[in-house]
Amino acid sequence: MTPIFTAPEDCRGPPCPAVPVFDPLFPRPAVWCYNRLARGAPRGILFRWLWRRPLKSYDLVYIVRPDLEPDAIKAVVERVTQRVQDQGAKVEAVDVWGRRRMSFAIGKHREGVYVHTRLTVDPQKTAEIRRLAAVNEEVLRAVTTRAVGKLPEPAAPAAPPVPSAPSGGPSQPAEA
């Protein structure tokens, strides 16, 4: 890409240097002018374009009431996942940790079904996502934290045991 070193014709005020763009991964206008920014004309568009927020990974862990049936727990997980996706988040993984004892009672419950969700979202939307997860009556508590490290690989299912012949040699029928 050839850099352009002339200011645009519609720019009023002292001439300003043009800024060439060399980074293809971060597109910008080929020429932009500080004088036009001072006048405020393209300010919103330019600043949104130049300072886009990168998406970050977060862990959403919530506790579902333990007295629900397994089908109802799956429905709650799907409902929370759908609400998270409606906020523009990309859900990478959903892992139901199962029923665990809590260190203190929440309401009248001493146990809960823990659910972990890894998601990628704009940092400003994390508070709203946590609120949407916790607003459900079946969800006792919800916490959103920055993701640290990679997701663990799912464990391979255990192979069923293969029956083996007795070690006493070939099997012989028992005589009665």
N, C-alpha and C. Protein backbone atom coordinates (compact mmCIF):
# COMPACT_ATOMS: atom_id res chain seq x y z
N MET A 1 0.85 -1.17 0.00
CA MET A 1 0.00 0.00 0.00
C MET A 1 0.89 1.23 0.00
N THR A 2 0.59 2.17 -0.88
CA THR A 2 1.39 3.37 -0.99
C THR A 2 0.91 4.41 0.01
N PRO A 3 1.81 4.94 0.84
CA PRO A 3 1.37 5.96 1.79
C PRO A 3 1.00 7.25 1.07
N ILE A 4 0.01 7.94 1.58
CA ILE A 4 -0.44 9.20 1.01
C ILE A 4 0.02 10.30 1.96
N PHE A 5 0.70 11.31 1.41
CA PHE A 5 1.25 12.35 2.27
C PHE A 5 0.62 13.71 2.02
N THR A 6 -0.61 13.75 1.54
CA THR A 6 -1.29 15.02 1.34
C THR A 6 -2.52 15.06 2.22
N ALA A 7 -2.83 16.24 2.72
CA ALA A 7 -4.03 16.40 3.54
C ALA A 7 -5.25 16.45 2.64
N PRO A 8 -6.42 16.02 3.11
CA PRO A 8 -7.61 16.08 2.27
C PRO A 8 -7.99 17.52 1.95
N GLU A 9 -8.66 17.71 0.80
CA GLU A 9 -8.99 19.05 0.33
C GLU A 9 -10.00 19.74 1.23
N ASP A 10 -10.88 19.00 1.86
CA ASP A 10 -11.93 19.62 2.65
C ASP A 10 -11.45 20.01 4.04
N CYS A 11 -10.19 19.81 4.35
CA CYS A 11 -9.67 20.12 5.67
C CYS A 11 -9.36 21.62 5.75
N ARG A 12 -10.03 22.33 6.64
CA ARG A 12 -9.76 23.75 6.86
C ARG A 12 -8.75 23.88 7.98
N GLY A 13 -7.96 24.90 7.94
CA GLY A 13 -6.98 25.11 8.98
C GLY A 13 -5.59 24.84 8.47
N PRO A 14 -4.61 24.86 9.37
CA PRO A 14 -3.23 24.63 8.92
C PRO A 14 -3.08 23.21 8.39
N PRO A 15 -2.18 23.04 7.44
CA PRO A 15 -2.00 21.69 6.89
C PRO A 15 -1.53 20.73 7.97
N CYS A 16 -2.04 19.53 7.92
CA CYS A 16 -1.65 18.52 8.90
C CYS A 16 -1.04 17.34 8.17
N PRO A 17 -0.10 16.67 8.81
CA PRO A 17 0.52 15.54 8.13
C PRO A 17 -0.46 14.38 7.99
N ALA A 18 -0.34 13.71 6.90
CA ALA A 18 -1.16 12.52 6.69
C ALA A 18 -0.47 11.35 7.36
N VAL A 19 -1.25 10.40 7.82
CA VAL A 19 -0.70 9.24 8.52
C VAL A 19 -0.90 8.02 7.63
N PRO A 20 0.19 7.44 7.13
CA PRO A 20 0.03 6.24 6.31
C PRO A 20 -0.35 5.04 7.17
N VAL A 21 -1.01 4.10 6.57
CA VAL A 21 -1.44 2.89 7.26
C VAL A 21 -0.59 1.73 6.76
N PHE A 22 0.05 1.04 7.68
CA PHE A 22 0.87 -0.11 7.29
C PHE A 22 0.38 -1.40 7.91
N ASP A 23 -0.56 -1.36 8.83
CA ASP A 23 -1.00 -2.55 9.54
C ASP A 23 -2.27 -3.09 8.89
N PRO A 24 -2.20 -4.21 8.16
CA PRO A 24 -3.41 -4.73 7.50
C PRO A 24 -4.37 -5.38 8.49
N LEU A 25 -3.92 -5.72 9.71
CA LEU A 25 -4.81 -6.36 10.67
C LEU A 25 -5.67 -5.34 11.42
N PHE A 26 -5.28 -4.07 11.38
CA PHE A 26 -6.04 -3.04 12.08
C PHE A 26 -6.36 -1.94 11.08
N PRO A 27 -7.46 -2.07 10.33
CA PRO A 27 -7.74 -1.12 9.25
C PRO A 27 -8.07 0.27 9.79
N ARG A 28 -7.57 1.27 9.11
CA ARG A 28 -7.85 2.67 9.43
C ARG A 28 -8.05 3.41 8.11
N PRO A 29 -8.59 4.60 8.17
CA PRO A 29 -8.64 5.38 6.94
C PRO A 29 -7.22 5.68 6.47
N ALA A 30 -7.02 5.77 5.17
CA ALA A 30 -5.68 5.99 4.64
C ALA A 30 -5.12 7.33 5.12
N VAL A 31 -5.97 8.35 5.23
CA VAL A 31 -5.53 9.65 5.69
C VAL A 31 -6.57 10.16 6.67
N TRP A 32 -6.12 10.66 7.79
CA TRP A 32 -7.06 11.30 8.71
C TRP A 32 -6.41 12.55 9.25
N CYS A 33 -7.21 13.49 9.64
CA CYS A 33 -6.75 14.83 9.88
C CYS A 33 -7.14 15.28 11.29
N TYR A 34 -6.19 15.78 12.07
CA TYR A 34 -6.48 16.24 13.41
C TYR A 34 -7.37 17.48 13.41
N ASN A 35 -7.27 18.30 12.36
CA ASN A 35 -8.11 19.49 12.29
C ASN A 35 -9.58 19.11 12.20
N ARG A 36 -9.89 18.07 11.44
CA ARG A 36 -11.28 17.64 11.34
C ARG A 36 -11.73 17.06 12.68
N LEU A 37 -10.81 16.41 13.41
CA LEU A 37 -11.17 15.91 14.73
C LEU A 37 -11.47 17.07 15.68
N ALA A 38 -10.69 18.16 15.57
CA ALA A 38 -10.92 19.30 16.44
C ALA A 38 -12.28 19.93 16.15
N ARG A 39 -12.69 19.94 14.88
CA ARG A 39 -14.01 20.47 14.54
C ARG A 39 -15.11 19.52 14.98
N GLY A 40 -14.77 18.26 15.20
CA GLY A 40 -15.75 17.31 15.71
C GLY A 40 -16.54 16.58 14.65
N ALA A 41 -16.21 16.75 13.37
CA ALA A 41 -17.02 16.15 12.32
C ALA A 41 -17.02 14.62 12.38
N PRO A 42 -15.89 13.95 12.16
CA PRO A 42 -15.94 12.48 12.14
C PRO A 42 -15.52 11.86 13.45
N ARG A 43 -15.56 12.63 14.54
CA ARG A 43 -14.99 12.17 15.80
C ARG A 43 -15.54 10.81 16.25
N GLY A 44 -16.86 10.64 16.26
CA GLY A 44 -17.44 9.39 16.73
C GLY A 44 -17.01 8.21 15.89
N ILE A 45 -17.04 8.39 14.57
CA ILE A 45 -16.68 7.29 13.68
C ILE A 45 -15.21 6.96 13.83
N LEU A 46 -14.36 8.01 13.83
CA LEU A 46 -12.93 7.76 13.90
C LEU A 46 -12.53 7.12 15.21
N PHE A 47 -13.03 7.63 16.34
CA PHE A 47 -12.62 7.07 17.61
C PHE A 47 -13.14 5.66 17.79
N ARG A 48 -14.34 5.38 17.31
CA ARG A 48 -14.84 4.01 17.39
C ARG A 48 -13.98 3.08 16.54
N TRP A 49 -13.50 3.60 15.42
CA TRP A 49 -12.72 2.79 14.51
C TRP A 49 -11.31 2.57 15.04
N LEU A 50 -10.71 3.60 15.61
CA LEU A 50 -9.32 3.50 16.05
C LEU A 50 -9.17 2.78 17.38
N TRP A 51 -10.13 2.92 18.27
CA TRP A 51 -10.00 2.33 19.60
C TRP A 51 -11.11 1.32 19.86
N ARG A 52 -11.15 0.32 19.04
CA ARG A 52 -12.11 -0.76 19.27
C ARG A 52 -11.65 -1.60 20.44
N ARG A 53 -12.59 -2.02 21.26
CA ARG A 53 -12.23 -2.87 22.40
C ARG A 53 -12.05 -4.31 21.93
N PRO A 54 -10.97 -4.93 22.31
CA PRO A 54 -10.83 -6.35 21.97
C PRO A 54 -11.75 -7.19 22.87
N LEU A 55 -12.24 -8.28 22.33
CA LEU A 55 -13.06 -9.19 23.12
C LEU A 55 -12.15 -9.98 24.05
N LYS A 56 -12.64 -10.28 25.25
CA LYS A 56 -11.85 -11.02 26.23
C LYS A 56 -12.62 -12.24 26.68
N SER A 57 -11.88 -13.22 27.19
CA SER A 57 -12.50 -14.46 27.66
C SER A 57 -12.86 -14.33 29.14
N TYR A 58 -14.02 -14.84 29.48
CA TYR A 58 -14.52 -14.81 30.86
C TYR A 58 -15.07 -16.17 31.23
N ASP A 59 -15.06 -16.45 32.53
CA ASP A 59 -15.69 -17.64 33.08
C ASP A 59 -16.93 -17.21 33.85
N LEU A 60 -18.06 -17.80 33.51
CA LEU A 60 -19.30 -17.56 34.23
C LEU A 60 -19.62 -18.85 34.97
N VAL A 61 -19.64 -18.78 36.30
CA VAL A 61 -19.98 -19.94 37.13
C VAL A 61 -21.25 -19.59 37.88
N TYR A 62 -22.25 -20.45 37.76
CA TYR A 62 -23.49 -20.22 38.49
C TYR A 62 -23.95 -21.51 39.14
N ILE A 63 -24.74 -21.35 40.21
CA ILE A 63 -25.21 -22.48 41.01
C ILE A 63 -26.72 -22.59 40.81
N VAL A 64 -27.16 -23.77 40.39
CA VAL A 64 -28.58 -24.04 40.15
C VAL A 64 -29.14 -24.77 41.35
N ARG A 65 -30.42 -24.52 41.66
CA ARG A 65 -31.07 -25.18 42.80
C ARG A 65 -30.94 -26.70 42.69
N PRO A 66 -30.64 -27.39 43.79
CA PRO A 66 -30.41 -28.84 43.73
C PRO A 66 -31.70 -29.65 43.66
N ASP A 67 -32.85 -29.07 43.98
CA ASP A 67 -34.08 -29.86 44.01
C ASP A 67 -34.75 -29.98 42.64
N LEU A 68 -34.10 -29.50 41.57
CA LEU A 68 -34.67 -29.60 40.23
C LEU A 68 -34.36 -30.97 39.61
N GLU A 69 -35.22 -31.39 38.72
CA GLU A 69 -35.00 -32.62 37.96
C GLU A 69 -33.87 -32.39 36.94
N PRO A 70 -33.21 -33.46 36.48
CA PRO A 70 -32.13 -33.29 35.49
C PRO A 70 -32.59 -32.58 34.21
N ASP A 71 -33.83 -32.85 33.76
CA ASP A 71 -34.32 -32.17 32.57
C ASP A 71 -34.50 -30.67 32.82
N ALA A 72 -34.96 -30.32 34.01
CA ALA A 72 -35.14 -28.91 34.36
C ALA A 72 -33.78 -28.21 34.47
N ILE A 73 -32.77 -28.92 34.96
CA ILE A 73 -31.42 -28.33 35.05
C ILE A 73 -30.88 -28.06 33.65
N LYS A 74 -31.09 -29.00 32.72
CA LYS A 74 -30.66 -28.79 31.33
C LYS A 74 -31.37 -27.60 30.72
N ALA A 75 -32.66 -27.44 31.04
CA ALA A 75 -33.43 -26.31 30.51
C ALA A 75 -32.89 -24.98 31.06
N VAL A 76 -32.52 -24.96 32.34
CA VAL A 76 -31.96 -23.74 32.95
C VAL A 76 -30.63 -23.40 32.28
N VAL A 77 -29.78 -24.41 32.06
CA VAL A 77 -28.48 -24.19 31.42
C VAL A 77 -28.68 -23.64 30.01
N GLU A 78 -29.61 -24.21 29.26
CA GLU A 78 -29.87 -23.73 27.90
C GLU A 78 -30.42 -22.31 27.91
N ARG A 79 -31.29 -21.99 28.88
CA ARG A 79 -31.87 -20.65 28.97
C ARG A 79 -30.79 -19.62 29.29
N VAL A 80 -29.91 -19.93 30.24
CA VAL A 80 -28.83 -19.00 30.59
C VAL A 80 -27.88 -18.83 29.41
N THR A 81 -27.55 -19.93 28.73
CA THR A 81 -26.67 -19.86 27.57
C THR A 81 -27.29 -19.00 26.47
N GLN A 82 -28.58 -19.13 26.25
CA GLN A 82 -29.26 -18.33 25.23
C GLN A 82 -29.24 -16.84 25.60
N ARG A 83 -29.45 -16.53 26.88
CA ARG A 83 -29.40 -15.13 27.32
C ARG A 83 -28.01 -14.54 27.15
N VAL A 84 -26.99 -15.34 27.41
CA VAL A 84 -25.61 -14.88 27.24
C VAL A 84 -25.33 -14.61 25.76
N GLN A 85 -25.79 -15.50 24.89
CA GLN A 85 -25.57 -15.31 23.45
C GLN A 85 -26.35 -14.12 22.92
N ASP A 86 -27.50 -13.82 23.51
CA ASP A 86 -28.28 -12.65 23.08
C ASP A 86 -27.55 -11.35 23.38
N GLN A 87 -26.64 -11.35 24.33
CA GLN A 87 -25.84 -10.17 24.66
C GLN A 87 -24.64 -10.01 23.74
N GLY A 88 -24.47 -10.90 22.78
CA GLY A 88 -23.36 -10.80 21.84
C GLY A 88 -22.14 -11.60 22.23
N ALA A 89 -22.26 -12.46 23.21
CA ALA A 89 -21.12 -13.26 23.65
C ALA A 89 -21.04 -14.54 22.83
N LYS A 90 -19.82 -15.02 22.67
CA LYS A 90 -19.60 -16.30 22.00
C LYS A 90 -19.31 -17.33 23.09
N VAL A 91 -20.17 -18.33 23.21
CA VAL A 91 -20.01 -19.36 24.23
C VAL A 91 -19.06 -20.42 23.69
N GLU A 92 -17.93 -20.60 24.37
CA GLU A 92 -16.93 -21.57 23.94
C GLU A 92 -17.19 -22.95 24.51
N ALA A 93 -17.60 -23.02 25.77
CA ALA A 93 -17.83 -24.32 26.41
C ALA A 93 -18.79 -24.16 27.58
N VAL A 94 -19.61 -25.19 27.78
CA VAL A 94 -20.51 -25.26 28.94
C VAL A 94 -20.22 -26.59 29.61
N ASP A 95 -19.91 -26.54 30.91
CA ASP A 95 -19.55 -27.75 31.65
C ASP A 95 -20.36 -27.79 32.94
N VAL A 96 -21.18 -28.83 33.09
CA VAL A 96 -21.96 -29.01 34.32
C VAL A 96 -21.09 -29.81 35.28
N TRP A 97 -20.68 -29.18 36.38
CA TRP A 97 -19.80 -29.83 37.35
C TRP A 97 -20.56 -30.80 38.25
N GLY A 98 -21.85 -30.65 38.35
CA GLY A 98 -22.64 -31.57 39.16
C GLY A 98 -22.98 -31.01 40.52
N ARG A 99 -23.58 -31.86 41.33
CA ARG A 99 -24.06 -31.46 42.66
C ARG A 99 -22.89 -31.43 43.64
N ARG A 100 -22.75 -30.30 44.34
CA ARG A 100 -21.67 -30.13 45.31
C ARG A 100 -22.21 -29.43 46.55
N ARG A 101 -21.55 -29.68 47.65
CA ARG A 101 -21.93 -29.03 48.91
C ARG A 101 -21.31 -27.64 48.96
N MET A 102 -22.11 -26.66 49.41
CA MET A 102 -21.63 -25.29 49.52
C MET A 102 -21.11 -25.04 50.94
N SER A 103 -20.24 -24.07 51.09
CA SER A 103 -19.67 -23.79 52.41
C SER A 103 -20.67 -23.09 53.33
N PHE A 104 -21.69 -22.46 52.77
CA PHE A 104 -22.73 -21.84 53.58
C PHE A 104 -24.05 -21.96 52.82
N ALA A 105 -25.12 -21.82 53.55
CA ALA A 105 -26.45 -21.98 52.95
C ALA A 105 -26.84 -20.73 52.17
N ILE A 106 -27.42 -20.94 51.01
CA ILE A 106 -28.01 -19.86 50.23
C ILE A 106 -29.50 -20.13 50.22
N GLY A 107 -30.25 -19.26 50.85
CA GLY A 107 -31.66 -19.55 51.06
C GLY A 107 -31.75 -20.71 52.04
N LYS A 108 -32.38 -21.79 51.65
CA LYS A 108 -32.45 -22.98 52.50
C LYS A 108 -31.65 -24.13 51.90
N HIS A 109 -30.80 -23.83 50.95
CA HIS A 109 -30.07 -24.87 50.23
C HIS A 109 -28.62 -24.94 50.72
N ARG A 110 -28.17 -26.15 51.08
CA ARG A 110 -26.78 -26.38 51.46
C ARG A 110 -25.99 -26.99 50.31
N GLU A 111 -26.67 -27.42 49.25
CA GLU A 111 -26.02 -27.99 48.07
C GLU A 111 -26.52 -27.25 46.84
N GLY A 112 -25.80 -27.44 45.74
CA GLY A 112 -26.21 -26.83 44.49
C GLY A 112 -25.55 -27.53 43.32
N VAL A 113 -26.11 -27.36 42.15
CA VAL A 113 -25.54 -27.91 40.92
C VAL A 113 -24.72 -26.79 40.28
N TYR A 114 -23.40 -27.00 40.19
CA TYR A 114 -22.50 -25.99 39.67
C TYR A 114 -22.39 -26.12 38.16
N VAL A 115 -22.43 -24.97 37.46
CA VAL A 115 -22.30 -24.94 36.00
C VAL A 115 -21.24 -23.91 35.65
N HIS A 116 -20.28 -24.31 34.81
CA HIS A 116 -19.20 -23.43 34.36
C HIS A 116 -19.39 -23.16 32.87
N THR A 117 -19.32 -21.88 32.48
CA THR A 117 -19.44 -21.49 31.08
C THR A 117 -18.26 -20.60 30.73
N ARG A 118 -17.53 -20.95 29.67
CA ARG A 118 -16.44 -20.11 29.16
C ARG A 118 -17.00 -19.32 27.98
N LEU A 119 -16.83 -17.98 28.02
CA LEU A 119 -17.38 -17.15 26.96
C LEU A 119 -16.42 -16.04 26.59
N THR A 120 -16.58 -15.51 25.38
CA THR A 120 -15.79 -14.39 24.89
C THR A 120 -16.76 -13.25 24.61
N VAL A 121 -16.47 -12.09 25.22
CA VAL A 121 -17.43 -10.98 25.14
C VAL A 121 -16.70 -9.65 25.35
N ASP A 122 -17.38 -8.57 24.98
CA ASP A 122 -16.89 -7.22 25.24
C ASP A 122 -16.86 -6.99 26.75
N PRO A 123 -15.78 -6.44 27.30
CA PRO A 123 -15.67 -6.29 28.76
C PRO A 123 -16.80 -5.47 29.41
N GLN A 124 -17.41 -4.56 28.66
CA GLN A 124 -18.47 -3.75 29.25
C GLN A 124 -19.76 -4.53 29.48
N LYS A 125 -19.91 -5.68 28.86
CA LYS A 125 -21.15 -6.44 28.97
C LYS A 125 -21.12 -7.51 30.05
N THR A 126 -20.02 -7.64 30.78
CA THR A 126 -19.92 -8.72 31.76
C THR A 126 -20.88 -8.53 32.93
N ALA A 127 -21.06 -7.32 33.38
CA ALA A 127 -21.98 -7.08 34.51
C ALA A 127 -23.41 -7.43 34.11
N GLU A 128 -23.79 -7.08 32.89
CA GLU A 128 -25.14 -7.39 32.41
C GLU A 128 -25.33 -8.90 32.26
N ILE A 129 -24.30 -9.60 31.80
CA ILE A 129 -24.39 -11.06 31.65
C ILE A 129 -24.54 -11.72 33.02
N ARG A 130 -23.79 -11.27 34.02
CA ARG A 130 -23.92 -11.84 35.35
C ARG A 130 -25.31 -11.57 35.92
N ARG A 131 -25.83 -10.37 35.68
CA ARG A 131 -27.16 -10.03 36.17
C ARG A 131 -28.22 -10.89 35.49
N LEU A 132 -28.09 -11.11 34.18
CA LEU A 132 -29.06 -11.94 33.46
C LEU A 132 -29.01 -13.39 33.93
N ALA A 133 -27.82 -13.87 34.30
CA ALA A 133 -27.73 -15.24 34.79
C ALA A 133 -28.36 -15.36 36.17
N ALA A 134 -28.19 -14.34 37.01
CA ALA A 134 -28.67 -14.42 38.39
C ALA A 134 -30.14 -14.06 38.54
N VAL A 135 -30.75 -13.44 37.52
CA VAL A 135 -32.13 -13.00 37.64
C VAL A 135 -33.10 -14.18 37.58
N ASN A 136 -32.63 -15.33 37.17
CA ASN A 136 -33.44 -16.54 37.09
C ASN A 136 -33.72 -17.07 38.50
N GLU A 137 -34.94 -17.53 38.76
CA GLU A 137 -35.28 -18.05 40.09
C GLU A 137 -34.56 -19.36 40.41
N GLU A 138 -34.23 -20.13 39.40
CA GLU A 138 -33.57 -21.41 39.63
C GLU A 138 -32.08 -21.26 39.91
N VAL A 139 -31.51 -20.09 39.60
CA VAL A 139 -30.09 -19.85 39.82
C VAL A 139 -29.91 -19.19 41.19
N LEU A 140 -29.13 -19.85 42.06
CA LEU A 140 -28.91 -19.33 43.41
C LEU A 140 -27.86 -18.22 43.43
N ARG A 141 -26.78 -18.39 42.68
CA ARG A 141 -25.68 -17.44 42.70
C ARG A 141 -24.97 -17.49 41.35
N ALA A 142 -24.41 -16.35 40.90
CA ALA A 142 -23.66 -16.29 39.65
C ALA A 142 -22.45 -15.38 39.83
N VAL A 143 -21.30 -15.80 39.27
CA VAL A 143 -20.06 -15.03 39.38
C VAL A 143 -19.38 -15.03 38.01
N THR A 144 -18.88 -13.86 37.59
CA THR A 144 -18.14 -13.74 36.34
C THR A 144 -16.72 -13.31 36.66
N THR A 145 -15.72 -14.04 36.13
CA THR A 145 -14.32 -13.69 36.34
C THR A 145 -13.58 -13.77 35.02
N ARG A 146 -12.42 -13.09 34.94
CA ARG A 146 -11.58 -13.20 33.75
C ARG A 146 -11.03 -14.61 33.65
N ALA A 147 -11.01 -15.15 32.45
CA ALA A 147 -10.52 -16.51 32.23
C ALA A 147 -9.00 -16.53 32.34
N VAL A 148 -8.49 -17.53 33.03
CA VAL A 148 -7.05 -17.71 33.19
C VAL A 148 -6.69 -19.05 32.59
N GLY A 149 -5.81 -19.05 31.62
CA GLY A 149 -5.38 -20.30 31.02
C GLY A 149 -6.38 -20.84 30.01
N LYS A 150 -6.04 -22.00 29.49
CA LYS A 150 -6.89 -22.65 28.50
C LYS A 150 -7.87 -23.59 29.17
N LEU A 151 -8.90 -23.94 28.43
CA LEU A 151 -9.85 -24.92 28.93
C LEU A 151 -9.18 -26.29 29.00
N PRO A 152 -9.46 -27.08 30.02
CA PRO A 152 -8.89 -28.42 30.06
C PRO A 152 -9.51 -29.29 28.97
N GLU A 153 -8.72 -30.18 28.45
CA GLU A 153 -9.22 -31.11 27.43
C GLU A 153 -10.24 -32.04 28.05
N PRO A 154 -11.32 -32.34 27.34
CA PRO A 154 -12.29 -33.28 27.91
C PRO A 154 -11.67 -34.66 28.06
N ALA A 155 -11.98 -35.30 29.16
CA ALA A 155 -11.43 -36.63 29.43
C ALA A 155 -12.02 -37.64 28.47
N ALA A 156 -11.19 -38.55 28.01
CA ALA A 156 -11.67 -39.60 27.12
C ALA A 156 -12.51 -40.58 27.92
N PRO A 157 -13.59 -41.09 27.36
CA PRO A 157 -14.40 -42.05 28.11
C PRO A 157 -13.61 -43.33 28.38
N ALA A 158 -13.81 -43.86 29.56
CA ALA A 158 -13.08 -45.07 29.96
C ALA A 158 -13.58 -46.26 29.15
N ALA A 159 -12.65 -47.10 28.73
CA ALA A 159 -13.02 -48.29 27.97
C ALA A 159 -13.61 -49.33 28.92
N PRO A 160 -14.65 -50.04 28.49
CA PRO A 160 -15.22 -51.07 29.37
C PRO A 160 -14.21 -52.20 29.58
N PRO A 161 -14.21 -52.80 30.77
CA PRO A 161 -13.24 -53.88 31.03
C PRO A 161 -13.53 -55.08 30.13
N VAL A 162 -12.45 -55.68 29.65
CA VAL A 162 -12.57 -56.86 28.79
C VAL A 162 -12.50 -58.10 29.67
N PRO A 163 -13.50 -58.99 29.58
CA PRO A 163 -13.42 -60.20 30.41
C PRO A 163 -12.26 -61.07 29.94
N SER A 164 -11.51 -61.57 30.89
CA SER A 164 -10.36 -62.40 30.54
C SER A 164 -10.59 -63.82 31.05
N ALA A 165 -9.89 -64.76 30.43
CA ALA A 165 -10.01 -66.17 30.82
C ALA A 165 -9.24 -66.37 32.13
N PRO A 166 -9.65 -67.32 32.97
CA PRO A 166 -8.91 -67.58 34.19
C PRO A 166 -7.47 -67.98 33.86
N SER A 167 -6.57 -67.67 34.74
CA SER A 167 -5.15 -67.91 34.48
C SER A 167 -4.75 -69.37 34.70
N GLY A 168 -5.66 -70.22 35.08
CA GLY A 168 -5.35 -71.62 35.35
C GLY A 168 -5.26 -72.46 34.09
N GLY A 169 -5.21 -71.89 32.93
CA GLY A 169 -5.13 -72.65 31.69
C GLY A 169 -6.46 -72.62 30.98
N PRO A 170 -6.62 -73.51 30.00
CA PRO A 170 -7.88 -73.51 29.26
C PRO A 170 -9.02 -73.94 30.17
N SER A 171 -10.15 -73.35 29.94
CA SER A 171 -11.30 -73.68 30.80
C SER A 171 -11.83 -75.06 30.46
N GLN A 172 -12.07 -75.85 31.51
CA GLN A 172 -12.60 -77.19 31.32
C GLN A 172 -13.95 -77.26 32.00
N PRO A 173 -14.88 -77.96 31.38
CA PRO A 173 -16.20 -78.06 32.00
C PRO A 173 -16.11 -78.84 33.31
N ALA A 174 -16.87 -78.42 34.26
CA ALA A 174 -16.89 -79.09 35.56
C ALA A 174 -17.71 -80.36 35.46
N GLU A 175 -17.16 -81.45 35.98
CA GLU A 175 -17.89 -82.72 35.94
C GLU A 175 -18.67 -82.88 37.23
N ALA A 176 -19.88 -83.34 37.06
CA ALA A 176 -20.71 -83.51 38.23
C ALA A 176 -20.77 -84.91 38.71
